[in-house]
Amino acid sequence: MVHWKYMEHTKHAAIERIETNPKILLGKPVVKGTRVPVSLILNLLAHEYTPQRVVEAYPQLTIEDVRAAIEYASVLADFKEMVYA
């Protein structure tokens, strides 16, 4: 689970649109109100889908949802956990 309060560079769209819930897809990050995982969106984008094409393939999504998935991944990629001894 991502603890947003510990991430300084968090974007509001990702916080508002992406959720993790152990009862939905075993806690994988998904677009809120859907069962569409962030990983699926990123995979489609990596395979040359445009954000518009993602929305066409998954009409329950919006362009803002796709952007939020990208922002979410960006925050995770940039996250550095601090370990205090």
PDB file of N, CA and C in Angstrom:
ATOM      1  N   MET A   1       0.842  -1.177   0.000  1.00  0.00           N
ATOM      2  CA  MET A   1       0.000   0.000   0.000  1.00  0.00           C
ATOM      3  C   MET A   1       0.882   1.234   0.000  1.00  0.00           C
ATOM      4  N   VAL A   2       0.538   2.196  -0.792  1.00  0.00           N
ATOM      5  CA  VAL A   2       1.304   3.436  -0.878  1.00  0.00           C
ATOM      6  C   VAL A   2       0.825   4.377   0.211  1.00  0.00           C
ATOM      7  N   HIS A   3       1.752   4.876   1.004  1.00  0.00           N
ATOM      8  CA  HIS A   3       1.422   5.853   2.033  1.00  0.00           C
ATOM      9  C   HIS A   3       1.760   7.227   1.485  1.00  0.00           C
ATOM     10  N   TRP A   4       0.753   7.885   0.918  1.00  0.00           N
ATOM     11  CA  TRP A   4       0.942   9.152   0.217  1.00  0.00           C
ATOM     12  C   TRP A   4       1.560  10.217   1.102  1.00  0.00           C
ATOM     13  N   LYS A   5       1.257  10.207   2.386  1.00  0.00           N
ATOM     14  CA  LYS A   5       1.756  11.274   3.249  1.00  0.00           C
ATOM     15  C   LYS A   5       3.274  11.275   3.341  1.00  0.00           C
ATOM     16  N   TYR A   6       3.918  10.172   2.985  1.00  0.00           N
ATOM     17  CA  TYR A   6       5.374  10.102   3.041  1.00  0.00           C
ATOM     18  C   TYR A   6       6.031  10.446   1.709  1.00  0.00           C
ATOM     19  N   MET A   7       5.239  10.738   0.703  1.00  0.00           N
ATOM     20  CA  MET A   7       5.769  11.043  -0.622  1.00  0.00           C
ATOM     21  C   MET A   7       5.606  12.520  -0.905  1.00  0.00           C
ATOM     22  N   GLU A   8       6.715  13.223  -0.983  1.00  0.00           N
ATOM     23  CA  GLU A   8       6.679  14.675  -1.127  1.00  0.00           C
ATOM     24  C   GLU A   8       6.178  15.146  -2.484  1.00  0.00           C
ATOM     25  N   HIS A   9       6.377  14.385  -3.529  1.00  0.00           N
ATOM     26  CA  HIS A   9       6.074  14.845  -4.895  1.00  0.00           C
ATOM     27  C   HIS A   9       4.754  14.294  -5.413  1.00  0.00           C
ATOM     28  N   THR A  10       3.835  14.034  -4.542  1.00  0.00           N
ATOM     29  CA  THR A  10       2.565  13.422  -4.918  1.00  0.00           C
ATOM     30  C   THR A  10       1.685  14.380  -5.706  1.00  0.00           C
ATOM     31  N   LYS A  11       1.030  13.858  -6.704  1.00  0.00           N
ATOM     32  CA  LYS A  11       0.089  14.630  -7.502  1.00  0.00           C
ATOM     33  C   LYS A  11      -1.323  14.360  -6.989  1.00  0.00           C
ATOM     34  N   HIS A  12      -2.174  15.380  -7.003  1.00  0.00           N
ATOM     35  CA  HIS A  12      -3.529  15.232  -6.502  1.00  0.00           C
ATOM     36  C   HIS A  12      -4.360  14.257  -7.326  1.00  0.00           C
ATOM     37  N   ALA A  13      -4.188  14.244  -8.632  1.00  0.00           N
ATOM     38  CA  ALA A  13      -4.998  13.361  -9.479  1.00  0.00           C
ATOM     39  C   ALA A  13      -4.782  11.903  -9.102  1.00  0.00           C
ATOM     40  N   ALA A  14      -3.543  11.527  -8.862  1.00  0.00           N
ATOM     41  CA  ALA A  14      -3.259  10.138  -8.506  1.00  0.00           C
ATOM     42  C   ALA A  14      -3.881   9.795  -7.159  1.00  0.00           C
ATOM     43  N   ILE A  15      -3.807  10.701  -6.208  1.00  0.00           N
ATOM     44  CA  ILE A  15      -4.384  10.455  -4.886  1.00  0.00           C
ATOM     45  C   ILE A  15      -5.893  10.272  -5.002  1.00  0.00           C
ATOM     46  N   GLU A  16      -6.528  11.093  -5.785  1.00  0.00           N
ATOM     47  CA  GLU A  16      -7.986  11.064  -5.883  1.00  0.00           C
ATOM     48  C   GLU A  16      -8.518   9.947  -6.770  1.00  0.00           C
ATOM     49  N   ARG A  17      -7.745   9.499  -7.732  1.00  0.00           N
ATOM     50  CA  ARG A  17      -8.271   8.567  -8.728  1.00  0.00           C
ATOM     51  C   ARG A  17      -7.764   7.133  -8.605  1.00  0.00           C
ATOM     52  N   ILE A  18      -6.705   6.909  -7.860  1.00  0.00           N
ATOM     53  CA  ILE A  18      -6.140   5.568  -7.737  1.00  0.00           C
ATOM     54  C   ILE A  18      -6.332   5.087  -6.307  1.00  0.00           C
ATOM     55  N   GLU A  19      -6.734   3.828  -6.168  1.00  0.00           N
ATOM     56  CA  GLU A  19      -6.926   3.273  -4.834  1.00  0.00           C
ATOM     57  C   GLU A  19      -6.378   1.854  -4.751  1.00  0.00           C
ATOM     58  N   THR A  20      -6.051   1.453  -3.541  1.00  0.00           N
ATOM     59  CA  THR A  20      -5.713   0.065  -3.263  1.00  0.00           C
ATOM     60  C   THR A  20      -6.667  -0.417  -2.181  1.00  0.00           C
ATOM     61  N   ASN A  21      -7.215  -1.597  -2.405  1.00  0.00           N
ATOM     62  CA  ASN A  21      -8.171  -2.181  -1.474  1.00  0.00           C
ATOM     63  C   ASN A  21      -7.972  -3.694  -1.534  1.00  0.00           C
ATOM     64  N   PRO A  22      -7.660  -4.324  -0.412  1.00  0.00           N
ATOM     65  CA  PRO A  22      -7.413  -5.769  -0.437  1.00  0.00           C
ATOM     66  C   PRO A  22      -8.581  -6.587  -0.991  1.00  0.00           C
ATOM     67  N   LYS A  23      -9.772  -6.000  -1.037  1.00  0.00           N
ATOM     68  CA  LYS A  23     -10.940  -6.714  -1.553  1.00  0.00           C
ATOM     69  C   LYS A  23     -11.107  -6.554  -3.066  1.00  0.00           C
ATOM     70  N   ILE A  24     -10.284  -5.706  -3.674  1.00  0.00           N
ATOM     71  CA  ILE A  24     -10.353  -5.488  -5.127  1.00  0.00           C
ATOM     72  C   ILE A  24      -9.018  -5.899  -5.733  1.00  0.00           C
ATOM     73  N   LEU A  25      -9.051  -6.940  -6.556  1.00  0.00           N
ATOM     74  CA  LEU A  25      -7.852  -7.449  -7.232  1.00  0.00           C
ATOM     75  C   LEU A  25      -6.685  -7.663  -6.277  1.00  0.00           C
ATOM     76  N   LEU A  26      -6.989  -8.181  -5.098  1.00  0.00           N
ATOM     77  CA  LEU A  26      -5.974  -8.509  -4.083  1.00  0.00           C
ATOM     78  C   LEU A  26      -5.115  -7.311  -3.691  1.00  0.00           C
ATOM     79  N   GLY A  27      -5.695  -6.125  -3.766  1.00  0.00           N
ATOM     80  CA  GLY A  27      -4.976  -4.933  -3.323  1.00  0.00           C
ATOM     81  C   GLY A  27      -4.118  -4.263  -4.373  1.00  0.00           C
ATOM     82  N   LYS A  28      -4.199  -4.738  -5.618  1.00  0.00           N
ATOM     83  CA  LYS A  28      -3.456  -4.046  -6.686  1.00  0.00           C
ATOM     84  C   LYS A  28      -4.021  -2.640  -6.847  1.00  0.00           C
ATOM     85  N   PRO A  29      -3.184  -1.665  -7.187  1.00  0.00           N
ATOM     86  CA  PRO A  29      -3.710  -0.318  -7.439  1.00  0.00           C
ATOM     87  C   PRO A  29      -4.630  -0.328  -8.656  1.00  0.00           C
ATOM     88  N   VAL A  30      -5.810   0.244  -8.482  1.00  0.00           N
ATOM     89  CA  VAL A  30      -6.797   0.318  -9.560  1.00  0.00           C
ATOM     90  C   VAL A  30      -7.334   1.736  -9.643  1.00  0.00           C
ATOM     91  N   VAL A  31      -7.954   2.039 -10.771  1.00  0.00           N
ATOM     92  CA  VAL A  31      -8.672   3.297 -10.901  1.00  0.00           C
ATOM     93  C   VAL A  31      -9.911   3.188 -10.023  1.00  0.00           C
ATOM     94  N   LYS A  32     -10.097   4.179  -9.174  1.00  0.00           N
ATOM     95  CA  LYS A  32     -11.205   4.175  -8.210  1.00  0.00           C
ATOM     96  C   LYS A  32     -12.536   3.913  -8.905  1.00  0.00           C
ATOM     97  N   GLY A  33     -13.330   3.034  -8.305  1.00  0.00           N
ATOM     98  CA  GLY A  33     -14.651   2.732  -8.836  1.00  0.00           C
ATOM     99  C   GLY A  33     -14.640   1.734  -9.979  1.00  0.00           C
ATOM    100  N   THR A  34     -13.463   1.193 -10.297  1.00  0.00           N
ATOM    101  CA  THR A  34     -13.351   0.206 -11.375  1.00  0.00           C
ATOM    102  C   THR A  34     -12.520  -0.975 -10.873  1.00  0.00           C
ATOM    103  N   ARG A  35     -12.384  -1.948 -11.730  1.00  0.00           N
ATOM    104  CA  ARG A  35     -11.465  -3.058 -11.471  1.00  0.00           C
ATOM    105  C   ARG A  35     -10.340  -3.022 -12.508  1.00  0.00           C
ATOM    106  N   VAL A  36     -10.042  -1.835 -12.999  1.00  0.00           N
ATOM    107  CA  VAL A  36      -8.995  -1.660 -14.000  1.00  0.00           C
ATOM    108  C   VAL A  36      -7.693  -1.318 -13.278  1.00  0.00           C
ATOM    109  N   PRO A  37      -6.710  -2.245 -13.298  1.00  0.00           N
ATOM    110  CA  PRO A  37      -5.470  -1.991 -12.583  1.00  0.00           C
ATOM    111  C   PRO A  37      -4.570  -0.987 -13.302  1.00  0.00           C
ATOM    112  N   VAL A  38      -3.819  -0.258 -12.507  1.00  0.00           N
ATOM    113  CA  VAL A  38      -2.835   0.690 -13.050  1.00  0.00           C
ATOM    114  C   VAL A  38      -1.869  -0.048 -13.971  1.00  0.00           C
ATOM    115  N   SER A  39      -1.465  -1.254 -13.594  1.00  0.00           N
ATOM    116  CA  SER A  39      -0.506  -2.015 -14.403  1.00  0.00           C
ATOM    117  C   SER A  39      -1.037  -2.286 -15.810  1.00  0.00           C
ATOM    118  N   LEU A  40      -2.332  -2.522 -15.953  1.00  0.00           N
ATOM    119  CA  LEU A  40      -2.912  -2.745 -17.284  1.00  0.00           C
ATOM    120  C   LEU A  40      -2.798  -1.485 -18.134  1.00  0.00           C
ATOM    121  N   ILE A  41      -3.131  -0.354 -17.540  1.00  0.00           N
ATOM    122  CA  ILE A  41      -3.048   0.922 -18.272  1.00  0.00           C
ATOM    123  C   ILE A  41      -1.617   1.179 -18.727  1.00  0.00           C
ATOM    124  N   LEU A  42      -0.654   0.984 -17.829  1.00  0.00           N
ATOM    125  CA  LEU A  42       0.750   1.210 -18.177  1.00  0.00           C
ATOM    126  C   LEU A  42       1.216   0.245 -19.258  1.00  0.00           C
ATOM    127  N   ASN A  43       0.763  -1.009 -19.177  1.00  0.00           N
ATOM    128  CA  ASN A  43       1.128  -1.993 -20.192  1.00  0.00           C
ATOM    129  C   ASN A  43       0.594  -1.594 -21.557  1.00  0.00           C
ATOM    130  N   LEU A  44      -0.644  -1.132 -21.607  1.00  0.00           N
ATOM    131  CA  LEU A  44      -1.215  -0.700 -22.890  1.00  0.00           C
ATOM    132  C   LEU A  44      -0.432   0.481 -23.458  1.00  0.00           C
ATOM    133  N   LEU A  45      -0.100   1.447 -22.611  1.00  0.00           N
ATOM    134  CA  LEU A  45       0.675   2.606 -23.067  1.00  0.00           C
ATOM    135  C   LEU A  45       2.059   2.178 -23.563  1.00  0.00           C
ATOM    136  N   ALA A  46       2.652   1.198 -22.888  1.00  0.00           N
ATOM    137  CA  ALA A  46       3.964   0.689 -23.303  1.00  0.00           C
ATOM    138  C   ALA A  46       3.902  -0.023 -24.656  1.00  0.00           C
ATOM    139  N   HIS A  47       2.706  -0.503 -25.002  1.00  0.00           N
ATOM    140  CA  HIS A  47       2.526  -1.193 -26.281  1.00  0.00           C
ATOM    141  C   HIS A  47       1.835  -0.300 -27.310  1.00  0.00           C
ATOM    142  N   GLU A  48       2.162   0.973 -27.240  1.00  0.00           N
ATOM    143  CA  GLU A  48       1.804   1.966 -28.250  1.00  0.00           C
ATOM    144  C   GLU A  48       0.331   2.362 -28.287  1.00  0.00           C
ATOM    145  N   TYR A  49      -0.413   2.061 -27.230  1.00  0.00           N
ATOM    146  CA  TYR A  49      -1.753   2.631 -27.133  1.00  0.00           C
ATOM    147  C   TYR A  49      -1.598   4.099 -26.761  1.00  0.00           C
ATOM    148  N   THR A  50      -2.435   4.931 -27.300  1.00  0.00           N
ATOM    149  CA  THR A  50      -2.496   6.325 -26.861  1.00  0.00           C
ATOM    150  C   THR A  50      -3.477   6.383 -25.684  1.00  0.00           C
ATOM    151  N   PRO A  51      -3.421   7.440 -24.884  1.00  0.00           N
ATOM    152  CA  PRO A  51      -4.428   7.553 -23.819  1.00  0.00           C
ATOM    153  C   PRO A  51      -5.858   7.475 -24.358  1.00  0.00           C
ATOM    154  N   GLN A  52      -6.104   8.080 -25.510  1.00  0.00           N
ATOM    155  CA  GLN A  52      -7.440   8.029 -26.112  1.00  0.00           C
ATOM    156  C   GLN A  52      -7.832   6.599 -26.460  1.00  0.00           C
ATOM    157  N   ARG A  53      -6.896   5.826 -26.981  1.00  0.00           N
ATOM    158  CA  ARG A  53      -7.186   4.434 -27.337  1.00  0.00           C
ATOM    159  C   ARG A  53      -7.470   3.597 -26.080  1.00  0.00           C
ATOM    160  N   VAL A  54      -6.775   3.890 -24.981  1.00  0.00           N
ATOM    161  CA  VAL A  54      -7.042   3.201 -23.719  1.00  0.00           C
ATOM    162  C   VAL A  54      -8.487   3.465 -23.291  1.00  0.00           C
ATOM    163  N   VAL A  55      -8.902   4.725 -23.377  1.00  0.00           N
ATOM    164  CA  VAL A  55     -10.271   5.091 -23.002  1.00  0.00           C
ATOM    165  C   VAL A  55     -11.284   4.427 -23.930  1.00  0.00           C
ATOM    166  N   GLU A  56     -10.967   4.320 -25.195  1.00  0.00           N
ATOM    167  CA  GLU A  56     -11.872   3.649 -26.129  1.00  0.00           C
ATOM    168  C   GLU A  56     -11.992   2.161 -25.795  1.00  0.00           C
ATOM    169  N   ALA A  57     -10.892   1.551 -25.373  1.00  0.00           N
ATOM    170  CA  ALA A  57     -10.903   0.131 -25.026  1.00  0.00           C
ATOM    171  C   ALA A  57     -11.584  -0.120 -23.676  1.00  0.00           C
ATOM    172  N   TYR A  58     -11.503   0.852 -22.789  1.00  0.00           N
ATOM    173  CA  TYR A  58     -12.088   0.755 -21.446  1.00  0.00           C
ATOM    174  C   TYR A  58     -12.925   2.001 -21.192  1.00  0.00           C
ATOM    175  N   PRO A  59     -14.152   2.030 -21.693  1.00  0.00           N
ATOM    176  CA  PRO A  59     -14.969   3.244 -21.647  1.00  0.00           C
ATOM    177  C   PRO A  59     -15.295   3.744 -20.239  1.00  0.00           C
ATOM    178  N   GLN A  60     -15.095   2.910 -19.228  1.00  0.00           N
ATOM    179  CA  GLN A  60     -15.328   3.379 -17.862  1.00  0.00           C
ATOM    180  C   GLN A  60     -14.217   4.312 -17.388  1.00  0.00           C
ATOM    181  N   LEU A  61     -13.125   4.394 -18.158  1.00  0.00           N
ATOM    182  CA  LEU A  61     -12.001   5.271 -17.828  1.00  0.00           C
ATOM    183  C   LEU A  61     -12.130   6.608 -18.539  1.00  0.00           C
ATOM    184  N   THR A  62     -11.413   7.598 -18.001  1.00  0.00           N
ATOM    185  CA  THR A  62     -11.299   8.902 -18.645  1.00  0.00           C
ATOM    186  C   THR A  62      -9.828   9.176 -18.915  1.00  0.00           C
ATOM    187  N   ILE A  63      -9.573  10.168 -19.712  1.00  0.00           N
ATOM    188  CA  ILE A  63      -8.184  10.582 -19.959  1.00  0.00           C
ATOM    189  C   ILE A  63      -7.511  10.942 -18.633  1.00  0.00           C
ATOM    190  N   GLU A  64      -8.246  11.575 -17.723  1.00  0.00           N
ATOM    191  CA  GLU A  64      -7.691  11.938 -16.420  1.00  0.00           C
ATOM    192  C   GLU A  64      -7.305  10.697 -15.621  1.00  0.00           C
ATOM    193  N   ASP A  65      -8.055   9.606 -15.759  1.00  0.00           N
ATOM    194  CA  ASP A  65      -7.706   8.349 -15.094  1.00  0.00           C
ATOM    195  C   ASP A  65      -6.381   7.810 -15.629  1.00  0.00           C
ATOM    196  N   VAL A  66      -6.198   7.884 -16.941  1.00  0.00           N
ATOM    197  CA  VAL A  66      -4.955   7.416 -17.557  1.00  0.00           C
ATOM    198  C   VAL A  66      -3.788   8.267 -17.059  1.00  0.00           C
ATOM    199  N   ARG A  67      -3.969   9.568 -17.008  1.00  0.00           N
ATOM    200  CA  ARG A  67      -2.916  10.453 -16.492  1.00  0.00           C
ATOM    201  C   ARG A  67      -2.607  10.142 -15.029  1.00  0.00           C
ATOM    202  N   ALA A  68      -3.636   9.864 -14.253  1.00  0.00           N
ATOM    203  CA  ALA A  68      -3.433   9.535 -12.842  1.00  0.00           C
ATOM    204  C   ALA A  68      -2.625   8.248 -12.692  1.00  0.00           C
ATOM    205  N   ALA A  69      -2.868   7.274 -13.556  1.00  0.00           N
ATOM    206  CA  ALA A  69      -2.097   6.026 -13.517  1.00  0.00           C
ATOM    207  C   ALA A  69      -0.619   6.295 -13.804  1.00  0.00           C
ATOM    208  N   ILE A  70      -0.356   7.169 -14.759  1.00  0.00           N
ATOM    209  CA  ILE A  70       1.024   7.531 -15.082  1.00  0.00           C
ATOM    210  C   ILE A  70       1.665   8.266 -13.900  1.00  0.00           C
ATOM    211  N   GLU A  71       0.929   9.201 -13.311  1.00  0.00           N
ATOM    212  CA  GLU A  71       1.443   9.936 -12.151  1.00  0.00           C
ATOM    213  C   GLU A  71       1.711   8.991 -10.987  1.00  0.00           C
ATOM    214  N   TYR A  72       0.818   8.041 -10.767  1.00  0.00           N
ATOM    215  CA  TYR A  72       0.988   7.066  -9.696  1.00  0.00           C
ATOM    216  C   TYR A  72       2.289   6.284  -9.900  1.00  0.00           C
ATOM    217  N   ALA A  73       2.498   5.807 -11.114  1.00  0.00           N
ATOM    218  CA  ALA A  73       3.717   5.057 -11.416  1.00  0.00           C
ATOM    219  C   ALA A  73       4.951   5.933 -11.248  1.00  0.00           C
ATOM    220  N   SER A  74       4.847   7.186 -11.627  1.00  0.00           N
ATOM    221  CA  SER A  74       5.963   8.116 -11.487  1.00  0.00           C
ATOM    222  C   SER A  74       6.341   8.308 -10.022  1.00  0.00           C
ATOM    223  N   VAL A  75       5.346   8.460  -9.176  1.00  0.00           N
ATOM    224  CA  VAL A  75       5.591   8.631  -7.739  1.00  0.00           C
ATOM    225  C   VAL A  75       6.266   7.375  -7.185  1.00  0.00           C
ATOM    226  N   LEU A  76       5.774   6.210  -7.559  1.00  0.00           N
ATOM    227  CA  LEU A  76       6.377   4.974  -7.066  1.00  0.00           C
ATOM    228  C   LEU A  76       7.820   4.823  -7.547  1.00  0.00           C
ATOM    229  N   ALA A  77       8.075   5.172  -8.788  1.00  0.00           N
ATOM    230  CA  ALA A  77       9.426   5.051  -9.334  1.00  0.00           C
ATOM    231  C   ALA A  77      10.389   6.009  -8.655  1.00  0.00           C
ATOM    232  N   ASP A  78       9.878   7.129  -8.170  1.00  0.00           N
ATOM    233  CA  ASP A  78      10.717   8.153  -7.554  1.00  0.00           C
ATOM    234  C   ASP A  78      10.806   7.999  -6.044  1.00  0.00           C
ATOM    235  N   PHE A  79      10.010   7.107  -5.464  1.00  0.00           N
ATOM    236  CA  PHE A  79       9.912   6.963  -4.014  1.00  0.00           C
ATOM    237  C   PHE A  79      11.204   6.391  -3.431  1.00  0.00           C
ATOM    238  N   LYS A  80      11.696   7.031  -2.392  1.00  0.00           N
ATOM    239  CA  LYS A  80      12.858   6.543  -1.670  1.00  0.00           C
ATOM    240  C   LYS A  80      12.453   6.371  -0.218  1.00  0.00           C
ATOM    241  N   GLU A  81      12.519   5.153   0.259  1.00  0.00           N
ATOM    242  CA  GLU A  81      12.141   4.892   1.640  1.00  0.00           C
ATOM    243  C   GLU A  81      13.308   5.233   2.562  1.00  0.00           C
ATOM    244  N   MET A  82      13.007   5.951   3.604  1.00  0.00           N
ATOM    245  CA  MET A  82      14.031   6.325   4.568  1.00  0.00           C
ATOM    246  C   MET A  82      14.031   5.295   5.692  1.00  0.00           C
ATOM    247  N   VAL A  83      15.181   4.751   5.996  1.00  0.00           N
ATOM    248  CA  VAL A  83      15.320   3.794   7.080  1.00  0.00           C
ATOM    249  C   VAL A  83      16.127   4.462   8.182  1.00  0.00           C
ATOM    250  N   TYR A  84      15.535   4.514   9.339  1.00  0.00           N
ATOM    251  CA  TYR A  84      16.201   5.137  10.478  1.00  0.00           C
ATOM    252  C   TYR A  84      16.668   4.055  11.438  1.00  0.00           C
ATOM    253  N   ALA A  85      17.919   4.151  11.846  1.00  0.00           N
ATOM    254  CA  ALA A  85      18.471   3.146  12.778  1.00  0.00           C
ATOM    255  C   ALA A  85      18.305   3.593  14.204  1.00  0.00           C
TER     256      ALA A  85
END
